[in-house]
Amino acid sequence: MDAIDRRVKVFWPEENAFFTGIVSKYDPKTEKHTVTYDDGDVEEVTLVKERMEWLEPGGDSLHPASENVIVHANGDVSDPAKPPVRSS
């Protein structure tokens, strides 16, 4: 699954809350995704290390990411514990 342009919500422990945004890019050298949050904040994160959920376009959670998420060299993300998300 290509992570770029996907909606996510990422848990911020300091705030004890999830924040929603969109994955805007991926840097294969640092293995970090850039998340542009709905409130305008921008953060580079290693998604596989974050407590996060993928969101459907309408904002509903698809499913929590498992600890087995794999980030491929091209920035694509796959989770072997979950079935692939098919676009209609």
PDB file of N, CA and C in Angstrom:
ATOM      1  N   MET A   1       0.854  -1.168   0.000  1.00  0.00           N
ATOM      2  CA  MET A   1       0.000   0.000   0.000  1.00  0.00           C
ATOM      3  C   MET A   1       0.898   1.228   0.000  1.00  0.00           C
ATOM      4  N   ASP A   2       0.612   2.140  -0.872  1.00  0.00           N
ATOM      5  CA  ASP A   2       1.374   3.375  -0.946  1.00  0.00           C
ATOM      6  C   ASP A   2       0.906   4.302   0.174  1.00  0.00           C
ATOM      7  N   ALA A   3       1.830   4.734   1.009  1.00  0.00           N
ATOM      8  CA  ALA A   3       1.470   5.573   2.158  1.00  0.00           C
ATOM      9  C   ALA A   3       1.264   7.034   1.775  1.00  0.00           C
ATOM     10  N   ILE A   4       1.894   7.471   0.697  1.00  0.00           N
ATOM     11  CA  ILE A   4       1.789   8.871   0.291  1.00  0.00           C
ATOM     12  C   ILE A   4       0.335   9.189  -0.064  1.00  0.00           C
ATOM     13  N   ASP A   5      -0.141  10.314   0.429  1.00  0.00           N
ATOM     14  CA  ASP A   5      -1.508  10.796   0.231  1.00  0.00           C
ATOM     15  C   ASP A   5      -2.551   9.993   1.009  1.00  0.00           C
ATOM     16  N   ARG A   6      -2.118   9.166   1.948  1.00  0.00           N
ATOM     17  CA  ARG A   6      -3.063   8.416   2.785  1.00  0.00           C
ATOM     18  C   ARG A   6      -3.350   9.204   4.053  1.00  0.00           C
ATOM     19  N   ARG A   7      -4.600   9.153   4.514  1.00  0.00           N
ATOM     20  CA  ARG A   7      -4.992   9.801   5.772  1.00  0.00           C
ATOM     21  C   ARG A   7      -4.614   8.887   6.920  1.00  0.00           C
ATOM     22  N   VAL A   8      -4.097   9.476   7.987  1.00  0.00           N
ATOM     23  CA  VAL A   8      -3.703   8.727   9.178  1.00  0.00           C
ATOM     24  C   VAL A   8      -4.109   9.499  10.422  1.00  0.00           C
ATOM     25  N   LYS A   9      -4.149   8.781  11.526  1.00  0.00           N
ATOM     26  CA  LYS A   9      -4.187   9.478  12.805  1.00  0.00           C
ATOM     27  C   LYS A   9      -3.061   8.886  13.631  1.00  0.00           C
ATOM     28  N   VAL A  10      -2.287   9.788  14.229  1.00  0.00           N
ATOM     29  CA  VAL A  10      -1.082   9.427  14.978  1.00  0.00           C
ATOM     30  C   VAL A  10      -1.283   9.841  16.426  1.00  0.00           C
ATOM     31  N   PHE A  11      -0.931   8.947  17.334  1.00  0.00           N
ATOM     32  CA  PHE A  11      -1.070   9.227  18.762  1.00  0.00           C
ATOM     33  C   PHE A  11       0.122  10.040  19.240  1.00  0.00           C
ATOM     34  N   TRP A  12      -0.167  11.124  19.926  1.00  0.00           N
ATOM     35  CA  TRP A  12       0.860  11.950  20.544  1.00  0.00           C
ATOM     36  C   TRP A  12       0.772  11.718  22.049  1.00  0.00           C
ATOM     37  N   PRO A  13       1.729  10.999  22.641  1.00  0.00           N
ATOM     38  CA  PRO A  13       1.654  10.694  24.075  1.00  0.00           C
ATOM     39  C   PRO A  13       1.673  11.946  24.957  1.00  0.00           C
ATOM     40  N   GLU A  14       2.378  12.991  24.523  1.00  0.00           N
ATOM     41  CA  GLU A  14       2.448  14.221  25.326  1.00  0.00           C
ATOM     42  C   GLU A  14       1.064  14.856  25.484  1.00  0.00           C
ATOM     43  N   GLU A  15       0.227  14.691  24.466  1.00  0.00           N
ATOM     44  CA  GLU A  15      -1.117  15.260  24.465  1.00  0.00           C
ATOM     45  C   GLU A  15      -2.169  14.232  24.887  1.00  0.00           C
ATOM     46  N   ASN A  16      -1.755  12.952  24.938  1.00  0.00           N
ATOM     47  CA  ASN A  16      -2.654  11.844  25.231  1.00  0.00           C
ATOM     48  C   ASN A  16      -3.862  11.852  24.287  1.00  0.00           C
ATOM     49  N   ALA A  17      -3.568  12.086  22.995  1.00  0.00           N
ATOM     50  CA  ALA A  17      -4.638  12.181  22.004  1.00  0.00           C
ATOM     51  C   ALA A  17      -4.106  11.810  20.618  1.00  0.00           C
ATOM     52  N   PHE A  18      -5.037  11.407  19.741  1.00  0.00           N
ATOM     53  CA  PHE A  18      -4.707  11.171  18.342  1.00  0.00           C
ATOM     54  C   PHE A  18      -4.901  12.466  17.562  1.00  0.00           C
ATOM     55  N   PHE A  19      -4.051  12.677  16.559  1.00  0.00           N
ATOM     56  CA  PHE A  19      -4.187  13.809  15.653  1.00  0.00           C
ATOM     57  C   PHE A  19      -4.208  13.274  14.225  1.00  0.00           C
ATOM     58  N   THR A  20      -5.090  13.834  13.407  1.00  0.00           N
ATOM     59  CA  THR A  20      -5.246  13.353  12.042  1.00  0.00           C
ATOM     60  C   THR A  20      -4.483  14.229  11.063  1.00  0.00           C
ATOM     61  N   GLY A  21      -4.062  13.583   9.982  1.00  0.00           N
ATOM     62  CA  GLY A  21      -3.338  14.294   8.948  1.00  0.00           C
ATOM     63  C   GLY A  21      -3.190  13.421   7.723  1.00  0.00           C
ATOM     64  N   ILE A  22      -2.304  13.832   6.838  1.00  0.00           N
ATOM     65  CA  ILE A  22      -2.057  13.105   5.599  1.00  0.00           C
ATOM     66  C   ILE A  22      -0.558  12.881   5.455  1.00  0.00           C
ATOM     67  N   VAL A  23      -0.194  11.706   4.974  1.00  0.00           N
ATOM     68  CA  VAL A  23       1.214  11.412   4.707  1.00  0.00           C
ATOM     69  C   VAL A  23       1.567  12.118   3.404  1.00  0.00           C
ATOM     70  N   SER A  24       2.488  13.065   3.486  1.00  0.00           N
ATOM     71  CA  SER A  24       2.777  13.882   2.311  1.00  0.00           C
ATOM     72  C   SER A  24       4.051  13.479   1.579  1.00  0.00           C
ATOM     73  N   LYS A  25       4.989  12.801   2.263  1.00  0.00           N
ATOM     74  CA  LYS A  25       6.184  12.315   1.556  1.00  0.00           C
ATOM     75  C   LYS A  25       6.920  11.293   2.408  1.00  0.00           C
ATOM     76  N   TYR A  26       7.912  10.662   1.801  1.00  0.00           N
ATOM     77  CA  TYR A  26       8.722   9.647   2.462  1.00  0.00           C
ATOM     78  C   TYR A  26      10.178   9.857   2.081  1.00  0.00           C
ATOM     79  N   ASP A  27      11.076   9.774   3.060  1.00  0.00           N
ATOM     80  CA  ASP A  27      12.506   9.900   2.815  1.00  0.00           C
ATOM     81  C   ASP A  27      13.156   8.545   3.057  1.00  0.00           C
ATOM     82  N   PRO A  28      13.569   7.843   1.996  1.00  0.00           N
ATOM     83  CA  PRO A  28      14.148   6.512   2.173  1.00  0.00           C
ATOM     84  C   PRO A  28      15.466   6.508   2.945  1.00  0.00           C
ATOM     85  N   LYS A  29      16.184   7.631   2.944  1.00  0.00           N
ATOM     86  CA  LYS A  29      17.451   7.685   3.690  1.00  0.00           C
ATOM     87  C   LYS A  29      17.212   7.643   5.195  1.00  0.00           C
ATOM     88  N   THR A  30      16.198   8.363   5.662  1.00  0.00           N
ATOM     89  CA  THR A  30      15.907   8.399   7.102  1.00  0.00           C
ATOM     90  C   THR A  30      14.811   7.411   7.488  1.00  0.00           C
ATOM     91  N   GLU A  31      14.130   6.854   6.452  1.00  0.00           N
ATOM     92  CA  GLU A  31      12.991   5.947   6.644  1.00  0.00           C
ATOM     93  C   GLU A  31      11.854   6.629   7.414  1.00  0.00           C
ATOM     94  N   LYS A  32      11.719   7.939   7.205  1.00  0.00           N
ATOM     95  CA  LYS A  32      10.666   8.699   7.874  1.00  0.00           C
ATOM     96  C   LYS A  32       9.666   9.217   6.857  1.00  0.00           C
ATOM     97  N   HIS A  33       8.401   9.207   7.291  1.00  0.00           N
ATOM     98  CA  HIS A  33       7.312   9.796   6.519  1.00  0.00           C
ATOM     99  C   HIS A  33       7.042  11.195   7.067  1.00  0.00           C
ATOM    100  N   THR A  34       6.677  12.096   6.200  1.00  0.00           N
ATOM    101  CA  THR A  34       6.251  13.417   6.620  1.00  0.00           C
ATOM    102  C   THR A  34       4.734  13.408   6.721  1.00  0.00           C
ATOM    103  N   VAL A  35       4.223  13.751   7.902  1.00  0.00           N
ATOM    104  CA  VAL A  35       2.781  13.833   8.118  1.00  0.00           C
ATOM    105  C   VAL A  35       2.423  15.309   8.267  1.00  0.00           C
ATOM    106  N   THR A  36       1.506  15.760   7.434  1.00  0.00           N
ATOM    107  CA  THR A  36       0.983  17.115   7.532  1.00  0.00           C
ATOM    108  C   THR A  36      -0.370  17.005   8.224  1.00  0.00           C
ATOM    109  N   TYR A  37      -0.418  17.508   9.458  1.00  0.00           N
ATOM    110  CA  TYR A  37      -1.624  17.367  10.277  1.00  0.00           C
ATOM    111  C   TYR A  37      -2.671  18.397   9.885  1.00  0.00           C
ATOM    112  N   ASP A  38      -3.915  18.074  10.202  1.00  0.00           N
ATOM    113  CA  ASP A  38      -5.034  18.947   9.854  1.00  0.00           C
ATOM    114  C   ASP A  38      -4.921  20.333  10.494  1.00  0.00           C
ATOM    115  N   ASP A  39      -4.220  20.420  11.634  1.00  0.00           N
ATOM    116  CA  ASP A  39      -4.077  21.719  12.308  1.00  0.00           C
ATOM    117  C   ASP A  39      -2.896  22.532  11.767  1.00  0.00           C
ATOM    118  N   GLY A  40      -2.219  21.990  10.729  1.00  0.00           N
ATOM    119  CA  GLY A  40      -1.112  22.713  10.107  1.00  0.00           C
ATOM    120  C   GLY A  40       0.267  22.279  10.555  1.00  0.00           C
ATOM    121  N   ASP A  41       0.372  21.540  11.659  1.00  0.00           N
ATOM    122  CA  ASP A  41       1.675  21.035  12.090  1.00  0.00           C
ATOM    123  C   ASP A  41       2.197  20.039  11.068  1.00  0.00           C
ATOM    124  N   VAL A  42       3.512  20.003  10.913  1.00  0.00           N
ATOM    125  CA  VAL A  42       4.173  19.059  10.025  1.00  0.00           C
ATOM    126  C   VAL A  42       5.223  18.336  10.849  1.00  0.00           C
ATOM    127  N   GLU A  43       5.267  17.010  10.705  1.00  0.00           N
ATOM    128  CA  GLU A  43       6.188  16.215  11.512  1.00  0.00           C
ATOM    129  C   GLU A  43       6.749  15.084  10.665  1.00  0.00           C
ATOM    130  N   GLU A  44       8.056  14.825  10.820  1.00  0.00           N
ATOM    131  CA  GLU A  44       8.669  13.647  10.214  1.00  0.00           C
ATOM    132  C   GLU A  44       8.643  12.542  11.254  1.00  0.00           C
ATOM    133  N   VAL A  45       8.025  11.408  10.900  1.00  0.00           N
ATOM    134  CA  VAL A  45       7.874  10.309  11.846  1.00  0.00           C
ATOM    135  C   VAL A  45       8.242   8.990  11.188  1.00  0.00           C
ATOM    136  N   THR A  46       8.687   8.063  12.008  1.00  0.00           N
ATOM    137  CA  THR A  46       8.890   6.696  11.569  1.00  0.00           C
ATOM    138  C   THR A  46       7.585   5.969  11.891  1.00  0.00           C
ATOM    139  N   LEU A  47       6.720   5.825  10.896  1.00  0.00           N
ATOM    140  CA  LEU A  47       5.377   5.307  11.132  1.00  0.00           C
ATOM    141  C   LEU A  47       5.366   3.942  11.803  1.00  0.00           C
ATOM    142  N   VAL A  48       6.359   3.102  11.491  1.00  0.00           N
ATOM    143  CA  VAL A  48       6.371   1.764  12.091  1.00  0.00           C
ATOM    144  C   VAL A  48       6.605   1.810  13.594  1.00  0.00           C
ATOM    145  N   LYS A  49       7.085   2.929  14.101  1.00  0.00           N
ATOM    146  CA  LYS A  49       7.345   3.058  15.534  1.00  0.00           C
ATOM    147  C   LYS A  49       6.247   3.832  16.261  1.00  0.00           C
ATOM    148  N   GLU A  50       5.270   4.316  15.518  1.00  0.00           N
ATOM    149  CA  GLU A  50       4.224   5.148  16.099  1.00  0.00           C
ATOM    150  C   GLU A  50       2.960   4.343  16.360  1.00  0.00           C
ATOM    151  N   ARG A  51       2.199   4.774  17.334  1.00  0.00           N
ATOM    152  CA  ARG A  51       0.841   4.266  17.516  1.00  0.00           C
ATOM    153  C   ARG A  51      -0.021   5.074  16.568  1.00  0.00           C
ATOM    154  N   MET A  52      -0.541   4.403  15.537  1.00  0.00           N
ATOM    155  CA  MET A  52      -1.262   5.129  14.491  1.00  0.00           C
ATOM    156  C   MET A  52      -2.308   4.232  13.882  1.00  0.00           C
ATOM    157  N   GLU A  53      -3.217   4.855  13.124  1.00  0.00           N
ATOM    158  CA  GLU A  53      -4.246   4.134  12.386  1.00  0.00           C
ATOM    159  C   GLU A  53      -4.391   4.761  11.008  1.00  0.00           C
ATOM    160  N   TRP A  54      -4.614   3.905  10.010  1.00  0.00           N
ATOM    161  CA  TRP A  54      -4.939   4.397   8.670  1.00  0.00           C
ATOM    162  C   TRP A  54      -6.402   4.812   8.671  1.00  0.00           C
ATOM    163  N   LEU A  55      -6.719   5.852   7.949  1.00  0.00           N
ATOM    164  CA  LEU A  55      -8.092   6.347   7.879  1.00  0.00           C
ATOM    165  C   LEU A  55      -8.644   6.207   6.465  1.00  0.00           C
ATOM    166  N   GLU A  56      -9.933   5.947   6.397  1.00  0.00           N
ATOM    167  CA  GLU A  56     -10.613   5.981   5.110  1.00  0.00           C
ATOM    168  C   GLU A  56     -10.759   7.445   4.711  1.00  0.00           C
ATOM    169  N   PRO A  57     -11.022   7.728   3.444  1.00  0.00           N
ATOM    170  CA  PRO A  57     -11.161   9.128   3.023  1.00  0.00           C
ATOM    171  C   PRO A  57     -12.141   9.927   3.866  1.00  0.00           C
ATOM    172  N   GLY A  58     -13.199   9.321   4.371  1.00  0.00           N
ATOM    173  CA  GLY A  58     -14.168  10.037   5.188  1.00  0.00           C
ATOM    174  C   GLY A  58     -13.721  10.259   6.623  1.00  0.00           C
ATOM    175  N   GLY A  59     -12.601   9.653   7.014  1.00  0.00           N
ATOM    176  CA  GLY A  59     -12.074   9.854   8.357  1.00  0.00           C
ATOM    177  C   GLY A  59     -12.278   8.698   9.303  1.00  0.00           C
ATOM    178  N   ASP A  60     -13.010   7.651   8.876  1.00  0.00           N
ATOM    179  CA  ASP A  60     -13.206   6.491   9.736  1.00  0.00           C
ATOM    180  C   ASP A  60     -11.936   5.644   9.764  1.00  0.00           C
ATOM    181  N   SER A  61     -11.653   5.040  10.915  1.00  0.00           N
ATOM    182  CA  SER A  61     -10.477   4.188  11.042  1.00  0.00           C
ATOM    183  C   SER A  61     -10.657   2.920  10.226  1.00  0.00           C
ATOM    184  N   LEU A  62      -9.637   2.572   9.475  1.00  0.00           N
ATOM    185  CA  LEU A  62      -9.627   1.289   8.784  1.00  0.00           C
ATOM    186  C   LEU A  62      -9.268   0.200   9.783  1.00  0.00           C
ATOM    187  N   HIS A  63      -8.170   0.383  10.462  1.00  0.00           N
ATOM    188  CA  HIS A  63      -7.706  -0.559  11.474  1.00  0.00           C
ATOM    189  C   HIS A  63      -6.425  -0.009  12.083  1.00  0.00           C
ATOM    190  N   PRO A  64      -6.138  -0.362  13.334  1.00  0.00           N
ATOM    191  CA  PRO A  64      -4.861   0.039  13.906  1.00  0.00           C
ATOM    192  C   PRO A  64      -3.725  -0.666  13.180  1.00  0.00           C
ATOM    193  N   ALA A  65      -2.614  -0.005  13.034  1.00  0.00           N
ATOM    194  CA  ALA A  65      -1.444  -0.649  12.452  1.00  0.00           C
ATOM    195  C   ALA A  65      -0.885  -1.640  13.463  1.00  0.00           C
ATOM    196  N   SER A  66      -0.443  -2.790  12.987  1.00  0.00           N
ATOM    197  CA  SER A  66       0.143  -3.774  13.892  1.00  0.00           C
ATOM    198  C   SER A  66       1.620  -3.467  14.079  1.00  0.00           C
ATOM    199  N   GLU A  67       2.250  -4.190  14.962  1.00  0.00           N
ATOM    200  CA  GLU A  67       3.682  -3.989  15.204  1.00  0.00           C
ATOM    201  C   GLU A  67       4.518  -4.590  14.086  1.00  0.00           C
ATOM    202  N   ASN A  68       3.890  -5.273  13.130  1.00  0.00           N
ATOM    203  CA  ASN A  68       4.607  -5.935  12.050  1.00  0.00           C
ATOM    204  C   ASN A  68       4.629  -5.134  10.764  1.00  0.00           C
ATOM    205  N   VAL A  69       4.274  -3.852  10.833  1.00  0.00           N
ATOM    206  CA  VAL A  69       4.233  -3.015   9.641  1.00  0.00           C
ATOM    207  C   VAL A  69       5.630  -2.946   9.027  1.00  0.00           C
ATOM    208  N   ILE A  70       5.664  -3.043   7.703  1.00  0.00           N
ATOM    209  CA  ILE A  70       6.924  -2.983   6.960  1.00  0.00           C
ATOM    210  C   ILE A  70       6.897  -1.739   6.088  1.00  0.00           C
ATOM    211  N   VAL A  71       7.944  -0.920   6.180  1.00  0.00           N
ATOM    212  CA  VAL A  71       8.089   0.227   5.289  1.00  0.00           C
ATOM    213  C   VAL A  71       9.120  -0.160   4.246  1.00  0.00           C
ATOM    214  N   HIS A  72       8.705  -0.188   2.988  1.00  0.00           N
ATOM    215  CA  HIS A  72       9.580  -0.575   1.887  1.00  0.00           C
ATOM    216  C   HIS A  72      10.432   0.614   1.457  1.00  0.00           C
ATOM    217  N   ALA A  73      11.506   0.339   0.730  1.00  0.00           N
ATOM    218  CA  ALA A  73      12.454   1.374   0.326  1.00  0.00           C
ATOM    219  C   ALA A  73      11.792   2.521  -0.436  1.00  0.00           C
ATOM    220  N   ASN A  74      10.699   2.237  -1.139  1.00  0.00           N
ATOM    221  CA  ASN A  74      10.030   3.289  -1.912  1.00  0.00           C
ATOM    222  C   ASN A  74       8.998   4.067  -1.098  1.00  0.00           C
ATOM    223  N   GLY A  75       8.876   3.732   0.208  1.00  0.00           N
ATOM    224  CA  GLY A  75       7.934   4.441   1.067  1.00  0.00           C
ATOM    225  C   GLY A  75       6.597   3.754   1.220  1.00  0.00           C
ATOM    226  N   ASP A  76       6.356   2.702   0.433  1.00  0.00           N
ATOM    227  CA  ASP A  76       5.121   1.947   0.584  1.00  0.00           C
ATOM    228  C   ASP A  76       5.115   1.263   1.939  1.00  0.00           C
ATOM    229  N   VAL A  77       3.933   1.088   2.490  1.00  0.00           N
ATOM    230  CA  VAL A  77       3.781   0.462   3.798  1.00  0.00           C
ATOM    231  C   VAL A  77       2.910  -0.770   3.640  1.00  0.00           C
ATOM    232  N   SER A  78       3.347  -1.878   4.238  1.00  0.00           N
ATOM    233  CA  SER A  78       2.498  -3.068   4.230  1.00  0.00           C
ATOM    234  C   SER A  78       2.444  -3.639   5.636  1.00  0.00           C
ATOM    235  N   ASP A  79       1.332  -4.258   5.933  1.00  0.00           N
ATOM    236  CA  ASP A  79       1.107  -4.855   7.245  1.00  0.00           C
ATOM    237  C   ASP A  79       0.678  -6.291   7.003  1.00  0.00           C
ATOM    238  N   PRO A  80       1.585  -7.263   7.207  1.00  0.00           N
ATOM    239  CA  PRO A  80       1.256  -8.645   6.907  1.00  0.00           C
ATOM    240  C   PRO A  80       0.096  -9.189   7.739  1.00  0.00           C
ATOM    241  N   ALA A  81      -0.232  -8.553   8.837  1.00  0.00           N
ATOM    242  CA  ALA A  81      -1.324  -9.021   9.687  1.00  0.00           C
ATOM    243  C   ALA A  81      -2.681  -8.552   9.176  1.00  0.00           C
ATOM    244  N   LYS A  82      -2.706  -7.665   8.213  1.00  0.00           N
ATOM    245  CA  LYS A  82      -3.959  -7.097   7.731  1.00  0.00           C
ATOM    246  C   LYS A  82      -4.115  -7.389   6.233  1.00  0.00           C
ATOM    247  N   PRO A  83      -5.330  -7.571   5.765  1.00  0.00           N
ATOM    248  CA  PRO A  83      -5.530  -7.749   4.325  1.00  0.00           C
ATOM    249  C   PRO A  83      -5.263  -6.433   3.606  1.00  0.00           C
ATOM    250  N   PRO A  84      -4.878  -6.506   2.328  1.00  0.00           N
ATOM    251  CA  PRO A  84      -4.641  -5.264   1.586  1.00  0.00           C
ATOM    252  C   PRO A  84      -5.926  -4.455   1.453  1.00  0.00           C
ATOM    253  N   VAL A  85      -5.769  -3.145   1.450  1.00  0.00           N
ATOM    254  CA  VAL A  85      -6.904  -2.252   1.247  1.00  0.00           C
ATOM    255  C   VAL A  85      -7.078  -2.082  -0.248  1.00  0.00           C
ATOM    256  N   ARG A  86      -8.260  -2.393  -0.725  1.00  0.00           N
ATOM    257  CA  ARG A  86      -8.532  -2.294  -2.162  1.00  0.00           C
ATOM    258  C   ARG A  86      -9.312  -1.022  -2.439  1.00  0.00           C
ATOM    259  N   SER A  87      -8.865  -0.302  -3.452  1.00  0.00           N
ATOM    260  CA  SER A  87      -9.607   0.908  -3.813  1.00  0.00           C
ATOM    261  C   SER A  87     -10.709   0.532  -4.792  1.00  0.00           C
ATOM    262  N   SER A  88     -11.831   1.253  -4.695  1.00  0.00           N
ATOM    263  CA  SER A  88     -12.961   0.916  -5.561  1.00  0.00           C
ATOM    264  C   SER A  88     -12.952   1.726  -6.815  1.00  0.00           C
TER     265      SER A  88
END
